[in-house]
N, C-alpha and C. Protein backbone atom coordinates (compact mmCIF):
# COMPACT_ATOMS: atom_id res chain seq x y z
N MET A 1 26.04 -14.25 -0.33
CA MET A 1 25.36 -15.48 -0.71
C MET A 1 24.02 -15.55 0.02
N THR A 2 22.97 -15.89 -0.73
CA THR A 2 21.66 -15.99 -0.10
C THR A 2 21.45 -17.41 0.39
N THR A 3 20.56 -17.53 1.35
CA THR A 3 20.26 -18.85 1.90
C THR A 3 18.79 -19.17 1.67
N GLU A 4 18.35 -18.98 0.44
CA GLU A 4 16.95 -19.27 0.14
C GLU A 4 16.74 -20.77 0.08
N THR A 5 15.64 -21.20 0.63
CA THR A 5 15.28 -22.60 0.51
C THR A 5 14.36 -22.75 -0.69
N PRO A 6 14.20 -23.97 -1.22
CA PRO A 6 13.32 -24.14 -2.37
C PRO A 6 11.92 -23.59 -2.15
N ALA A 7 11.44 -23.56 -0.91
CA ALA A 7 10.10 -23.06 -0.64
C ALA A 7 10.01 -21.54 -0.82
N THR A 8 11.14 -20.83 -0.69
CA THR A 8 11.11 -19.38 -0.81
C THR A 8 11.51 -18.89 -2.19
N ILE A 9 12.01 -19.77 -3.04
CA ILE A 9 12.41 -19.39 -4.39
C ILE A 9 11.15 -19.23 -5.23
N GLN A 10 11.06 -18.11 -5.93
CA GLN A 10 9.89 -17.87 -6.77
C GLN A 10 10.05 -18.63 -8.08
N PRO A 11 9.00 -19.28 -8.54
CA PRO A 11 9.10 -20.03 -9.79
C PRO A 11 9.06 -19.10 -11.01
N TYR A 12 9.59 -19.59 -12.11
CA TYR A 12 9.48 -18.88 -13.38
C TYR A 12 8.07 -19.10 -13.90
N GLU A 13 7.51 -18.07 -14.53
CA GLU A 13 6.15 -18.15 -15.06
C GLU A 13 6.09 -17.43 -16.40
N ILE A 14 5.20 -17.89 -17.28
CA ILE A 14 4.97 -17.21 -18.55
C ILE A 14 4.08 -16.01 -18.29
N VAL A 15 4.53 -14.83 -18.72
CA VAL A 15 3.73 -13.62 -18.60
C VAL A 15 2.88 -13.46 -19.86
N SER A 16 3.52 -13.62 -21.03
CA SER A 16 2.77 -13.46 -22.27
C SER A 16 3.50 -14.11 -23.44
N VAL A 17 2.72 -14.47 -24.44
CA VAL A 17 3.22 -14.92 -25.74
C VAL A 17 2.30 -14.23 -26.75
N LYS A 18 2.87 -13.29 -27.54
CA LYS A 18 2.06 -12.51 -28.47
C LYS A 18 2.70 -12.46 -29.85
N ARG A 19 1.86 -12.48 -30.86
CA ARG A 19 2.33 -12.36 -32.23
C ARG A 19 2.96 -10.98 -32.42
N THR A 20 4.06 -10.94 -33.20
CA THR A 20 4.76 -9.68 -33.40
C THR A 20 5.44 -9.66 -34.77
N ASP A 21 5.95 -8.51 -35.13
CA ASP A 21 6.74 -8.39 -36.35
C ASP A 21 8.09 -9.07 -36.11
N PRO A 22 8.79 -9.44 -37.18
CA PRO A 22 10.11 -10.08 -37.00
C PRO A 22 11.06 -9.16 -36.23
N PRO A 23 11.92 -9.74 -35.41
CA PRO A 23 12.92 -8.93 -34.72
C PRO A 23 13.85 -8.27 -35.74
N SER A 24 14.53 -7.25 -35.33
CA SER A 24 15.44 -6.51 -36.20
C SER A 24 16.45 -7.47 -36.85
N GLY A 25 16.54 -7.39 -38.17
CA GLY A 25 17.50 -8.21 -38.90
C GLY A 25 16.99 -9.59 -39.26
N MET A 26 15.78 -9.93 -38.87
CA MET A 26 15.21 -11.24 -39.16
C MET A 26 14.10 -11.10 -40.19
N GLU A 27 13.85 -12.18 -40.90
CA GLU A 27 12.79 -12.18 -41.90
C GLU A 27 11.81 -13.30 -41.61
N GLY A 28 10.76 -13.33 -42.40
CA GLY A 28 9.79 -14.41 -42.28
C GLY A 28 8.54 -13.98 -41.55
N THR A 29 7.64 -14.92 -41.44
CA THR A 29 6.36 -14.67 -40.78
C THR A 29 6.21 -15.59 -39.57
N GLY A 30 5.18 -15.34 -38.81
CA GLY A 30 4.87 -16.20 -37.67
C GLY A 30 5.75 -15.96 -36.47
N TRP A 31 6.21 -14.73 -36.28
CA TRP A 31 7.05 -14.42 -35.12
C TRP A 31 6.19 -14.11 -33.90
N HIS A 32 6.69 -14.54 -32.73
CA HIS A 32 6.03 -14.27 -31.46
C HIS A 32 7.04 -13.75 -30.46
N HIS A 33 6.60 -12.85 -29.62
CA HIS A 33 7.42 -12.30 -28.54
C HIS A 33 6.90 -12.88 -27.24
N TYR A 34 7.81 -13.43 -26.44
CA TYR A 34 7.38 -14.00 -25.16
C TYR A 34 8.11 -13.32 -24.01
N ILE A 35 7.45 -13.33 -22.87
CA ILE A 35 8.05 -12.79 -21.64
C ILE A 35 7.85 -13.83 -20.55
N ILE A 36 8.95 -14.14 -19.86
CA ILE A 36 8.94 -15.06 -18.73
C ILE A 36 9.37 -14.24 -17.52
N SER A 37 8.74 -14.47 -16.38
CA SER A 37 9.15 -13.71 -15.18
C SER A 37 9.47 -14.66 -14.03
N GLN A 38 10.29 -14.12 -13.15
CA GLN A 38 10.57 -14.76 -11.86
C GLN A 38 10.69 -13.61 -10.88
N GLY A 39 9.63 -13.33 -10.19
CA GLY A 39 9.62 -12.16 -9.32
C GLY A 39 9.76 -10.90 -10.17
N ASP A 40 10.76 -10.08 -9.86
CA ASP A 40 11.01 -8.86 -10.63
C ASP A 40 11.85 -9.10 -11.88
N ASN A 41 12.43 -10.27 -12.00
CA ASN A 41 13.27 -10.59 -13.15
C ASN A 41 12.41 -10.93 -14.35
N ARG A 42 12.86 -10.50 -15.53
CA ARG A 42 12.12 -10.76 -16.78
C ARG A 42 13.06 -11.33 -17.82
N ILE A 43 12.58 -12.29 -18.55
CA ILE A 43 13.28 -12.85 -19.70
C ILE A 43 12.39 -12.57 -20.90
N SER A 44 12.93 -11.92 -21.91
CA SER A 44 12.17 -11.56 -23.09
C SER A 44 12.84 -12.21 -24.29
N GLY A 45 12.04 -12.80 -25.17
CA GLY A 45 12.61 -13.44 -26.34
C GLY A 45 11.65 -13.49 -27.51
N TYR A 46 12.18 -13.92 -28.64
CA TYR A 46 11.38 -14.06 -29.87
C TYR A 46 11.55 -15.48 -30.37
N ARG A 47 10.48 -15.98 -30.98
CA ARG A 47 10.52 -17.31 -31.55
C ARG A 47 9.57 -17.35 -32.73
N GLN A 48 9.94 -18.11 -33.73
CA GLN A 48 9.12 -18.20 -34.93
C GLN A 48 8.35 -19.52 -34.91
N GLY A 49 7.08 -19.46 -35.32
CA GLY A 49 6.23 -20.65 -35.37
C GLY A 49 4.79 -20.27 -35.10
N THR A 50 3.96 -21.29 -35.00
CA THR A 50 2.56 -21.03 -34.67
C THR A 50 2.47 -20.66 -33.19
N LEU A 51 1.38 -20.02 -32.81
CA LEU A 51 1.19 -19.65 -31.41
C LEU A 51 1.26 -20.88 -30.51
N LYS A 52 0.64 -21.96 -30.95
CA LYS A 52 0.64 -23.20 -30.16
C LYS A 52 2.06 -23.75 -30.00
N ALA A 53 2.82 -23.79 -31.10
CA ALA A 53 4.19 -24.33 -31.04
C ALA A 53 5.09 -23.46 -30.18
N VAL A 54 4.97 -22.15 -30.31
CA VAL A 54 5.80 -21.24 -29.52
C VAL A 54 5.43 -21.34 -28.05
N THR A 55 4.14 -21.39 -27.75
CA THR A 55 3.69 -21.51 -26.35
C THR A 55 4.21 -22.80 -25.74
N THR A 56 4.14 -23.90 -26.49
CA THR A 56 4.65 -25.18 -25.99
C THR A 56 6.15 -25.09 -25.72
N ALA A 57 6.90 -24.47 -26.63
CA ALA A 57 8.35 -24.33 -26.46
C ALA A 57 8.67 -23.48 -25.23
N VAL A 58 7.93 -22.40 -25.03
CA VAL A 58 8.17 -21.53 -23.88
C VAL A 58 7.80 -22.25 -22.58
N GLU A 59 6.76 -23.06 -22.60
CA GLU A 59 6.39 -23.85 -21.42
C GLU A 59 7.52 -24.81 -21.05
N GLU A 60 8.17 -25.40 -22.06
CA GLU A 60 9.29 -26.29 -21.81
C GLU A 60 10.47 -25.53 -21.21
N ILE A 61 10.73 -24.33 -21.73
CA ILE A 61 11.81 -23.50 -21.19
C ILE A 61 11.54 -23.18 -19.72
N VAL A 62 10.32 -22.79 -19.41
CA VAL A 62 9.94 -22.47 -18.03
C VAL A 62 10.12 -23.69 -17.13
N GLY A 63 9.69 -24.84 -17.61
CA GLY A 63 9.85 -26.08 -16.84
C GLY A 63 11.32 -26.37 -16.55
N GLN A 64 12.17 -26.20 -17.56
CA GLN A 64 13.60 -26.45 -17.37
C GLN A 64 14.23 -25.45 -16.41
N LEU A 65 13.83 -24.19 -16.52
CA LEU A 65 14.35 -23.18 -15.59
C LEU A 65 13.96 -23.50 -14.15
N ASN A 66 12.72 -23.91 -13.95
CA ASN A 66 12.27 -24.25 -12.60
C ASN A 66 12.99 -25.48 -12.06
N GLU A 67 13.26 -26.46 -12.91
CA GLU A 67 14.01 -27.64 -12.47
C GLU A 67 15.44 -27.26 -12.09
N ARG A 68 16.05 -26.38 -12.87
CA ARG A 68 17.43 -25.96 -12.60
C ARG A 68 17.57 -25.29 -11.26
N GLN A 69 16.62 -24.45 -10.89
CA GLN A 69 16.76 -23.72 -9.63
C GLN A 69 16.57 -24.62 -8.42
N LEU A 70 15.96 -25.78 -8.62
CA LEU A 70 15.81 -26.72 -7.51
C LEU A 70 17.01 -27.64 -7.38
N GLY A 71 17.93 -27.56 -8.30
CA GLY A 71 19.10 -28.43 -8.28
C GLY A 71 18.92 -29.56 -9.26
N LYS A 72 20.01 -30.14 -9.63
CA LYS A 72 19.98 -31.22 -10.60
C LYS A 72 19.49 -32.48 -9.91
N ARG A 73 18.45 -33.05 -10.45
CA ARG A 73 17.87 -34.26 -9.88
C ARG A 73 18.16 -35.44 -10.79
N GLY A 74 18.19 -36.60 -10.20
CA GLY A 74 18.30 -37.82 -10.99
C GLY A 74 19.67 -38.05 -11.59
N ARG A 75 20.63 -37.28 -11.18
CA ARG A 75 21.98 -37.49 -11.69
C ARG A 75 22.78 -38.22 -10.63
N VAL A 76 23.51 -39.21 -11.09
CA VAL A 76 24.31 -40.00 -10.19
C VAL A 76 25.76 -39.90 -10.65
N ASN A 77 26.64 -39.67 -9.73
CA ASN A 77 28.06 -39.62 -10.06
C ASN A 77 28.61 -41.01 -9.83
N LEU A 78 28.70 -41.78 -10.90
CA LEU A 78 29.19 -43.15 -10.78
C LEU A 78 30.70 -43.16 -10.78
N VAL A 79 31.25 -43.90 -9.84
CA VAL A 79 32.70 -44.07 -9.78
C VAL A 79 32.95 -45.56 -9.98
N PRO A 80 33.65 -45.92 -11.05
CA PRO A 80 33.87 -47.34 -11.30
C PRO A 80 34.74 -47.96 -10.22
N ALA A 81 34.40 -49.18 -9.86
CA ALA A 81 35.18 -49.92 -8.88
C ALA A 81 36.50 -50.35 -9.51
N PRO A 82 37.56 -50.43 -8.72
CA PRO A 82 38.83 -50.86 -9.29
C PRO A 82 38.71 -52.26 -9.87
N LYS A 83 39.41 -52.46 -10.97
CA LYS A 83 39.36 -53.77 -11.62
C LYS A 83 40.14 -54.79 -10.80
N LYS A 84 39.59 -55.99 -10.75
CA LYS A 84 40.29 -57.07 -10.03
C LYS A 84 41.39 -57.60 -10.93
N ARG A 85 42.51 -57.91 -10.31
CA ARG A 85 43.63 -58.46 -11.06
C ARG A 85 43.42 -59.95 -11.31
N ALA A 86 43.77 -60.37 -12.48
CA ALA A 86 43.68 -61.81 -12.82
C ALA A 86 44.80 -62.53 -12.09
N GLN A 87 44.49 -63.67 -11.46
CA GLN A 87 45.51 -64.40 -10.72
C GLN A 87 45.89 -65.67 -11.41
């Protein structure tokens, strides 16, 4: 188990978003190949849409990945109080 603190964890970053041919077995136009990195780790994927739409979607993915590695924020584990008995 590693003991990395949030300051030492490398963030996810977009390396590239480029227009490409459809992935194997897929049809249509407007395909893009994206690469996300975190240090030496790489995430590679395909998405269909305009360059702007795909870039926006990949930016959202990167944002969510970075939030996840910092831990879940804003979540509260609510425990209901016992109900009072009617007297």
